[in-house]
Protein backbone atom coordinates (compact mmCIF):
# COMPACT_ATOMS: atom_id res chain seq x y z
CA MET A 1 0.00 0.00 0.00
CA THR A 2 1.37 3.43 -0.88
CA ASN A 3 1.66 6.39 1.56
CA PRO A 4 -1.20 8.90 0.88
CA GLY A 5 0.89 11.91 2.04
CA TRP A 6 0.18 12.31 5.76
CA GLY A 7 1.39 10.48 8.81
CA GLY A 8 3.50 7.38 8.43
CA ALA A 9 2.84 4.07 6.80
CA ALA A 10 0.11 1.86 8.22
CA ASN A 11 2.65 -0.24 10.11
CA GLU A 12 4.74 2.73 11.38
CA GLY A 13 2.32 4.10 13.99
CA THR A 14 1.60 7.78 14.75
CA PRO A 15 4.62 10.12 14.82
CA PRO A 16 5.21 11.96 18.16
CA GLN A 17 3.61 15.45 18.38
CA PRO A 18 5.92 18.42 19.18
CA ARG A 19 5.85 19.76 22.72
CA CYS A 20 6.11 23.31 24.05
CA VAL A 21 9.71 24.31 24.77
CA ARG A 22 8.66 25.99 28.03
CA HIS A 23 6.09 23.37 29.06
CA PRO A 24 7.34 19.91 27.95
CA ASP A 25 4.16 18.28 29.27
CA ARG A 26 1.99 20.15 26.73
CA PRO A 27 1.73 18.78 23.16
CA THR A 28 1.24 21.56 20.59
CA ALA A 29 0.93 22.04 16.88
CA LEU A 30 1.79 25.75 17.13
CA SER A 31 5.18 27.40 16.77
CA CYS A 32 6.81 30.83 17.03
CA ASN A 33 7.01 32.79 13.77
CA ARG A 34 10.42 34.15 14.75
CA CYS A 35 12.39 31.20 16.11
CA SER A 36 10.10 28.36 14.84
CA ARG A 37 10.20 26.59 18.19
CA PRO A 38 7.02 24.76 19.22
CA SER A 39 5.02 26.76 21.79
CA CYS A 40 1.70 26.29 23.52
CA PRO A 41 -1.02 29.01 23.34
CA ASP A 42 -0.01 30.34 26.80
CA CYS A 43 3.51 31.04 25.57
CA LEU A 44 2.59 32.85 22.36
CA ARG A 45 1.92 36.57 21.94
CA GLU A 46 0.35 38.30 18.97
CA ALA A 47 2.94 40.09 16.84
CA ALA A 48 2.89 42.29 13.73
CA VAL A 49 2.99 39.10 11.68
CA GLY A 50 1.61 35.94 13.28
CA TYR A 51 2.56 34.99 16.84
CA GLN A 52 5.86 34.98 18.71
CA CYS A 53 6.94 33.16 21.86
CA VAL A 54 7.49 35.14 25.04
CA ASP A 55 11.27 34.77 24.75
CA CYS A 56 11.34 36.36 21.30
CA VAL A 57 8.98 39.14 22.42
CA ALA A 58 11.32 39.96 25.34
CA ALA A 59 14.36 39.91 23.04
CA GLY A 60 12.61 42.25 20.63
CA ARG A 61 11.88 44.74 23.38
CA ARG A 62 15.53 44.80 24.40
CA ASP A 63 16.50 45.65 20.82
CA ILE A 64 14.25 48.73 20.73
CA ARG A 65 16.01 51.95 21.68
CA PRO A 66 14.08 53.88 24.36
CA VAL A 67 12.42 57.13 23.30
CA ARG A 68 14.07 60.11 24.96
CA GLY A 69 13.00 63.71 25.34
CA VAL A 70 14.92 66.83 24.41
CA ALA A 71 16.48 66.88 27.91
CA GLY A 72 17.68 63.27 27.63
CA ASN A 73 14.96 61.88 29.88
CA ALA A 74 13.30 58.57 29.02
CA VAL A 75 9.77 59.08 27.71
CA VAL A 76 7.60 56.28 29.12
CA PRO A 77 3.91 56.26 28.14
CA GLY A 78 2.87 55.05 31.59
CA ARG A 79 4.55 58.06 33.21
CA ALA A 80 2.69 60.73 31.25
CA THR A 81 0.74 61.80 34.35
CA PRO A 82 2.30 65.06 35.67
CA ILE A 83 2.62 63.81 39.24
CA VAL A 84 5.05 66.54 40.35
CA THR A 85 2.76 69.32 39.10
CA TYR A 86 -0.24 67.83 40.87
CA SER A 87 1.83 67.39 44.04
CA LEU A 88 2.96 71.03 43.96
CA ILE A 89 -0.63 72.17 43.52
CA GLY A 90 -1.63 69.97 46.45
CA LEU A 91 1.07 71.44 48.70
CA ASN A 92 0.01 74.99 47.85
CA VAL A 93 -3.63 74.18 48.56
CA LEU A 94 -2.74 72.51 51.86
CA ALA A 95 -0.72 75.55 52.95
CA PHE A 96 -3.62 77.83 52.04
CA LEU A 97 -6.11 75.70 53.94
CA GLY A 98 -3.82 75.81 56.97
CA THR A 99 -3.67 79.60 56.93
CA ALA A 100 -7.41 79.88 56.21
CA VAL A 101 -8.28 77.70 59.20
CA GLN A 102 -5.96 79.65 61.46
CA SER A 103 -7.28 83.05 60.32
CA ARG A 104 -10.88 81.85 59.83
CA SER A 105 -10.96 83.60 56.48
CA ILE A 106 -10.35 82.60 52.85
CA LEU A 107 -9.97 86.19 51.67
CA ARG A 108 -7.70 87.56 54.41
CA ASN A 109 -5.97 84.36 55.42
CA GLU A 110 -2.68 86.10 56.20
CA SER A 111 -3.80 87.54 59.53
CA PRO A 112 -3.94 86.26 62.15
CA SER A 113 -2.19 83.08 60.93
CA PRO A 114 0.94 81.78 62.70
CA LEU A 115 1.88 79.76 59.61
CA PHE A 116 1.72 82.83 57.37
CA ALA A 117 3.63 84.90 59.92
CA ASP A 118 6.37 82.25 60.13
CA TRP A 119 6.75 81.63 56.36
CA ALA A 120 6.12 84.94 54.56
CA LEU A 121 9.30 86.40 53.08
CA ASN A 122 10.98 89.45 54.59
CA PRO A 123 14.70 90.05 53.93
CA GLY A 124 15.41 91.29 57.44
CA LEU A 125 13.86 88.25 59.11
CA VAL A 126 15.75 85.89 56.79
CA ALA A 127 18.96 87.68 57.78
CA ASP A 128 17.97 87.04 61.40
CA GLY A 129 18.17 83.29 60.74
CA GLN A 130 14.59 82.48 59.65
CA TRP A 131 15.67 80.73 56.45
CA ILE A 132 12.47 78.69 56.08
CA ARG A 133 10.92 81.86 54.65
CA LEU A 134 13.03 81.52 51.49
CA VAL A 135 11.11 78.37 50.48
CA GLY A 136 7.96 78.51 52.60
CA SER A 137 6.87 81.84 51.14
CA GLY A 138 6.54 80.15 47.74
CA PHE A 139 3.64 78.03 49.07
CA LEU A 140 1.65 80.88 50.69
CA HIS A 141 -0.99 83.04 49.02
CA PHE A 142 -2.88 86.21 49.86
CA GLY A 143 -6.48 85.04 49.59
CA LEU A 144 -8.39 82.54 47.50
CA ILE A 145 -8.19 84.47 44.21
CA HIS A 146 -4.40 84.71 44.43
CA LEU A 147 -4.21 80.94 45.00
CA ALA A 148 -6.70 80.09 42.22
CA VAL A 149 -4.92 82.17 39.58
CA ASN A 150 -1.48 80.80 40.42
CA MET A 151 -2.64 77.18 40.59
CA PHE A 152 -4.42 77.45 37.24
CA VAL A 153 -1.28 78.81 35.58
CA LEU A 154 0.84 76.14 37.29
CA TYR A 155 -1.55 73.47 35.99
CA VAL A 156 -1.34 74.82 32.42
CA LEU A 157 2.44 75.35 32.31
CA GLY A 158 3.58 72.58 34.61
CA ARG A 159 2.11 69.60 32.76
CA ASP A 160 3.96 70.19 29.48
CA THR A 161 7.18 71.32 31.16
CA GLU A 162 7.25 68.23 33.38
CA LEU A 163 6.64 65.92 30.41
CA ILE A 164 9.45 67.49 28.37
CA LEU A 165 12.09 67.86 31.09
CA GLY A 166 11.23 64.78 33.14
CA ARG A 167 10.14 64.76 36.75
CA ALA A 168 13.54 65.20 38.40
CA ARG A 169 14.72 68.06 36.17
CA TYR A 170 11.33 69.74 36.33
CA THR A 171 11.37 69.63 40.13
CA ALA A 172 14.89 71.07 40.18
CA VAL A 173 13.94 73.88 37.77
CA TYR A 174 10.83 74.73 39.84
CA LEU A 175 12.76 74.90 43.13
CA THR A 176 15.58 76.90 41.52
CA SER A 177 13.01 79.36 40.16
CA LEU A 178 11.39 79.64 43.58
CA LEU A 179 14.75 80.38 45.20
CA GLY A 180 15.59 82.76 42.35
CA GLY A 181 12.51 84.80 43.19
CA SER A 182 13.45 84.81 46.87
CA ALA A 183 17.02 85.84 46.02
CA SER A 184 15.79 88.77 43.95
CA VAL A 185 13.48 89.92 46.76
CA MET A 186 16.35 89.62 49.23
CA ALA A 187 18.62 91.68 46.99
CA PHE A 188 16.30 94.47 45.83
CA GLN A 189 13.16 94.68 47.95
CA SER A 190 13.01 96.93 51.00
CA ILE A 191 12.56 95.48 54.46
CA ILE A 192 10.00 98.16 55.32
CA SER A 193 6.85 98.65 53.22
CA SER A 194 5.56 102.02 52.04
CA GLY A 195 3.03 101.91 54.88
CA GLY A 196 5.74 101.81 57.51
CA GLY A 197 5.43 98.17 58.54
CA LEU A 198 7.43 95.15 57.49
CA SER A 199 7.17 94.21 53.81
CA TRP A 200 5.81 90.73 53.09
CA THR A 201 6.21 88.65 49.94
CA ALA A 202 4.35 85.39 49.33
CA GLY A 203 3.08 83.30 46.43
CA ALA A 204 4.13 80.71 43.87
CA SER A 205 4.41 83.42 41.21
CA GLY A 206 8.22 83.48 41.23
CA ALA A 207 8.41 79.75 40.52
CA ILE A 208 5.64 80.05 37.90
CA PHE A 209 7.54 82.85 36.15
CA GLY A 210 10.47 80.44 36.14
CA LEU A 211 8.31 77.94 34.23
CA LEU A 212 7.49 80.68 31.71
CA GLY A 213 11.22 81.18 31.19
CA ALA A 214 11.71 77.42 30.96
CA GLN A 215 9.05 77.13 28.27
CA ALA A 216 10.69 79.89 26.23
CA ILE A 217 14.02 78.02 26.32
CA ILE A 218 12.33 74.72 25.46
CA LEU A 219 10.67 76.26 22.40
CA LEU A 220 14.01 77.64 21.24
CA ARG A 221 15.63 74.22 21.70
CA LEU A 222 12.84 72.59 19.67
CA ARG A 223 13.36 75.27 16.98
CA ARG A 224 9.88 76.67 17.41
CA SER A 225 8.89 80.29 17.76
CA PRO A 226 8.91 81.49 21.40
CA ALA A 227 6.89 84.58 20.43
CA PRO A 228 3.62 83.48 22.16
CA ILE A 229 5.29 82.73 25.49
CA LEU A 230 7.43 85.88 25.26
CA SER A 231 4.25 87.89 24.75
CA VAL A 232 2.76 86.36 27.89
CA ILE A 233 5.95 87.17 29.82
CA ALA A 234 5.91 90.78 28.59
CA ILE A 235 2.27 91.27 29.57
CA ASN A 236 2.88 89.86 33.05
CA VAL A 237 5.97 92.03 33.55
CA ILE A 238 3.90 95.11 32.66
CA ILE A 239 1.20 94.01 35.11
CA SER A 240 3.83 93.48 37.82
CA LEU A 241 5.12 97.02 37.30
CA SER A 242 1.69 98.64 37.03
CA ILE A 243 -0.33 97.18 39.88
CA PRO A 244 0.72 98.03 43.47
CA GLY A 245 1.30 95.13 45.82
CA ILE A 246 2.70 92.75 43.20
CA SER A 247 6.29 91.65 43.75
CA PHE A 248 8.05 92.63 40.54
CA TRP A 249 11.43 91.51 41.89
CA GLY A 250 10.07 88.11 42.92
CA HIS A 251 8.67 87.58 39.43
CA LEU A 252 11.81 88.78 37.66
CA GLY A 253 14.14 86.68 39.81
CA GLY A 254 12.09 83.53 39.22
CA LEU A 255 11.96 84.20 35.48
CA VAL A 256 15.73 84.61 35.17
CA ALA A 257 16.55 81.62 37.38
CA GLY A 258 14.11 79.31 35.59
CA ALA A 259 15.34 80.34 32.15
CA LEU A 260 19.00 79.91 33.10
CA ALA A 261 18.41 76.54 34.78
CA THR A 262 16.59 75.20 31.73
CA ALA A 263 19.20 76.62 29.37
CA GLY A 264 21.86 74.82 31.41
CA ILE A 265 20.03 71.52 30.93
CA LEU A 266 19.26 71.89 27.23
CA TYR A 267 22.17 73.98 25.92
CA GLY A 268 24.96 73.37 28.46
CA PRO A 269 26.11 70.00 27.07
CA GLN A 270 26.07 71.34 23.51
CA MET A 271 28.06 74.46 24.40
CA LEU A 272 30.62 72.41 26.32
CA GLY A 273 31.17 70.04 23.39
CA VAL A 274 29.84 66.83 24.92
CA GLY A 275 28.72 65.52 21.53
CA ASN A 276 26.39 62.53 21.17
CA ASN A 277 27.33 60.85 24.45
CA ARG A 278 23.93 60.84 26.15
CA GLU A 279 25.19 59.85 29.60
CA ARG A 280 27.74 62.67 29.64
CA ALA A 281 25.17 65.12 28.27
CA VAL A 282 22.78 64.31 31.12
CA THR A 283 25.55 64.69 33.69
CA VAL A 284 26.75 68.00 32.26
CA GLY A 285 23.16 69.26 32.17
CA TRP A 286 22.75 68.53 35.86
CA ILE A 287 26.08 70.25 36.59
CA CYS A 288 24.97 73.39 34.72
CA LEU A 289 21.66 73.43 36.59
CA GLY A 290 23.56 72.99 39.85
CA ALA A 291 25.76 75.96 38.95
CA VAL A 292 22.66 78.16 38.56
CA LEU A 293 21.35 76.94 41.91
CA ILE A 294 24.68 77.64 43.62
CA ALA A 295 24.80 81.14 42.12
CA THR A 296 21.26 81.77 43.40
CA LEU A 297 22.19 80.63 46.88
CA GLY A 298 25.32 82.76 46.64
CA VAL A 299 23.24 85.90 46.03
CA ILE A 300 21.12 85.05 49.07
CA ALA A 301 24.19 84.43 51.24
CA VAL A 302 25.87 87.71 50.22
CA ARG A 303 22.70 89.66 50.93
CA ILE A 304 22.27 88.01 54.32
CA VAL A 305 25.81 89.05 55.27
CA GLN A 306 25.12 92.63 54.14
CA LEU A 307 21.83 92.87 56.04
CA ARG A 308 23.33 91.41 59.21
CA THR A 309 26.01 94.09 59.08
CA GLU A 310 23.50 96.88 58.39
CA LEU A 311 21.01 95.75 61.04
CA GLY A 312 23.63 94.88 63.66
CA TYR A 313 22.69 91.23 64.09
């Protein structure tokens, strides 16, 4: 009798069925399209063409270069949520609620509020050793409207900036901008207000102006026109100069510090000739940002020494 084309001859029996390479106890008629090894349905994953075993899928993922942002940060789809921005908004809201509860007012939450009194920025009190005011003042606000406006702008600017720079760099730029605003107030703002009492500065505006500067630098690095963001900066500078009670120096200091910190991250490696070495570029970017932060702290330190001499501390 002749062989009809399948199986063996009548006296040869049934040939053994292939078994899954990962589960030898499972017979299977399936195989991986990439390596051709027999695999059971649990070990196969749908691919662009056919199915591949889990080992080939893992090997393929290792061969794919990770997507990186303009600052060298890894862009991971699962990390698109701007967690740092939301956390900063939460901290500002918590600080406001604390002052509102203490003062029993959402419109005049600054008085009487021990938290506001302890954190609001005044150059003379910082020179007296109350350094918490340099950072704490950036989380206080004069009333609900002040808080709402700043948090809305932080929400709009912060999400994109965090996604482009990455969480760590974004956090560093925000804090550098905040300290830049405080440094400018320390250097140029009077200890005594026009009304004869102590001058007080509070609000996240300095850090937010820093994000405006950061966005301008990012647009330049992406070779896009920064005209829209520069227009917004110009309008806000005019408002800061025109309306009494707004800290022009706090805004200007944050703007300069944020722009310089971001420029250090995005342009520092290029200017220092790092080339295409990504690891070195990231390191040099951090060093440039650190240099801006150190310079900001240096301005604060020099001013503290001057004020202590003038005030006889």
